[in-house]
Amino acid sequence: MKYSRGLLLTAATALCTGILATGCSTDLSPEPFDANLRLTAGQVKMTVKPGKTTQAEVFQALGAPNVVALQSGSGEIWTYDQIKVRRTSQGYSAGASFGTLFGFDNFRHGVGDAGAEIGGNVGTNTTSVQTATLIVRFAPDEKVTSWQMLVTSF
């Protein structure tokens, strides 16, 4: 079977391809912040009012404390501790492939092909931590006398 040079060149040109593929994946929070954790400075300011807010109201708004200290004749001290961890991953990948079809006409007759591929990946992982500690002091009549809050982020 004999192929014409023009036909082989046309076929080789038509089948010559170059493909570049890139992709990106982002995993923003495989361990998301817990929506049930309500210990924010804004929530505490709106909820905990010295001389007015009762233990029951604090419990309803913020849930059970992590630590309760009882002071003889002085009321209770409630401590809330909260830790939020957020992990973020970003990854990028890229690849390229090239293929061609070629023909022989002078001494040999036939068709051949060749190709190459290359690819790679790169990414980053970050972790951020936010902590909050709230200390609420209650009088013997179970009303808030004072509160203190410490928030850190790193």
Foldseek 3Di string as FASTA:
>chain_A
DADDPVVQVVQQVVPWDKDKDKDKDKDWFPPAFDPLQDDDPVLCVVQADAPPHFPVSCCVSGNAAPDWDQDVQFAIKGKHKDKGKGKIKMKMKMKMKTKTKGFDHDPDGDIDMDMDMDMDMDMDMDMKMKMKMKMFGAGPVRGTRDMDMDIDID
